[in-house]
Amino acid sequence: KVQVSIENDSKSEASYNTFDWKLQDSAGVIKDVDSVAFGVDGALSSGQLSPGGKVSGFLVFQAPLNDTGLTLRYNPSFWSDKKVEIKI
């Protein structure tokens, strides 16, 4: 379970979606958000952010126990190669 925050610092609306996030384990396996995430209180959903808008919520993934090489991956658009990778 990971809490993320997104802030739109552009001058136009921006969309966000739970499915923009993935988790990579130390073996290089990349996983989507687990379906259990949608039942978690405070789960990140999807929507639009106006300029200056902020949203936060939880994501849930399945990962090997005690894996110290996890990377949270954010790709905000299917049509873009821009992405953010965060070691966790």
Protein backbone atom coordinates (compact mmCIF):
# COMPACT_ATOMS: atom_id res chain seq x y z
CA LYS A 1 0.00 0.00 0.00
CA VAL A 2 1.48 3.31 -1.14
CA GLN A 3 0.06 6.80 -0.73
CA VAL A 4 0.66 9.15 -3.65
CA SER A 5 -0.08 12.83 -4.19
CA ILE A 6 -0.53 14.55 -7.54
CA GLU A 7 -0.47 18.31 -8.12
CA ASN A 8 -1.30 20.00 -11.41
CA ASP A 9 1.19 22.84 -11.80
CA SER A 10 0.27 23.49 -15.44
CA LYS A 11 -2.09 26.14 -16.83
CA SER A 12 -4.61 23.62 -18.17
CA GLU A 13 -6.66 20.74 -16.81
CA ALA A 14 -4.88 17.43 -16.34
CA SER A 15 -6.33 13.97 -15.95
CA TYR A 16 -5.19 11.36 -13.43
CA ASN A 17 -5.98 7.68 -13.16
CA THR A 18 -5.15 4.75 -10.90
CA PHE A 19 -4.02 2.81 -13.97
CA ASP A 20 -1.25 5.37 -14.65
CA TRP A 21 0.72 3.64 -11.85
CA LYS A 22 2.68 0.37 -11.85
CA LEU A 23 5.12 -1.36 -9.51
CA GLN A 24 8.35 -2.99 -10.65
CA ASP A 25 10.00 -5.54 -8.36
CA SER A 26 13.70 -6.37 -8.14
CA ALA A 27 13.27 -9.22 -10.66
CA GLY A 28 12.01 -6.71 -13.24
CA VAL A 29 8.37 -7.84 -13.04
CA ILE A 30 6.01 -4.91 -13.61
CA LYS A 31 2.58 -5.17 -12.00
CA ASP A 32 -0.63 -3.19 -12.25
CA VAL A 33 -2.54 -1.89 -9.25
CA ASP A 34 -4.19 -4.83 -7.46
CA SER A 35 -8.00 -5.00 -7.67
CA VAL A 36 -8.20 -4.94 -3.86
CA ALA A 37 -7.04 -1.29 -4.07
CA PHE A 38 -10.50 -0.16 -5.14
CA GLY A 39 -11.97 -1.25 -1.79
CA VAL A 40 -9.38 0.58 0.33
CA ASP A 41 -10.55 3.69 2.18
CA GLY A 42 -8.88 6.69 0.55
CA ALA A 43 -7.95 4.82 -2.63
CA LEU A 44 -6.81 6.94 -5.57
CA SER A 45 -9.45 6.97 -8.28
CA SER A 46 -9.50 8.89 -11.53
CA GLY A 47 -10.60 12.34 -12.60
CA GLN A 48 -9.49 15.80 -13.69
CA LEU A 49 -7.41 18.39 -11.87
CA SER A 50 -7.80 22.07 -12.58
CA PRO A 51 -4.65 24.22 -12.65
CA GLY A 52 -3.23 24.20 -9.12
CA GLY A 53 -5.44 21.25 -8.15
CA LYS A 54 -4.20 18.49 -5.86
CA VAL A 55 -5.32 14.94 -5.11
CA SER A 56 -3.90 12.10 -3.05
CA GLY A 57 -4.85 8.51 -2.41
CA PHE A 58 -3.65 4.98 -1.86
CA LEU A 59 -2.48 2.38 -4.39
CA VAL A 60 -2.15 -1.32 -3.55
CA PHE A 61 0.17 -3.75 -5.32
CA GLN A 62 1.22 -7.39 -4.86
CA ALA A 63 4.99 -7.60 -4.27
CA PRO A 64 7.42 -10.24 -3.00
CA LEU A 65 7.83 -10.11 0.78
CA ASN A 66 10.96 -8.20 1.87
CA ASP A 67 11.81 -7.09 -1.68
CA THR A 68 14.09 -4.06 -1.26
CA GLY A 69 14.32 -3.25 -4.97
CA LEU A 70 10.82 -1.91 -5.62
CA THR A 71 10.20 0.97 -8.02
CA LEU A 72 6.92 2.85 -8.30
CA ARG A 73 6.37 3.86 -11.93
CA TYR A 74 4.08 6.68 -13.07
CA ASN A 75 3.24 7.21 -16.73
CA PRO A 76 0.56 9.91 -16.91
CA SER A 77 -0.46 9.27 -20.52
CA PHE A 78 -0.68 6.27 -22.80
CA TRP A 79 0.25 8.62 -25.65
CA SER A 80 3.41 9.96 -24.02
CA ASP A 81 6.80 8.49 -23.18
CA LYS A 82 7.13 10.77 -20.13
CA LYS A 83 7.33 8.86 -16.87
CA VAL A 84 8.50 9.11 -13.30
CA GLU A 85 10.22 6.29 -11.41
CA ILE A 86 10.47 6.35 -7.61
CA LYS A 87 12.55 3.84 -5.62
CA ILE A 88 10.62 2.66 -2.58
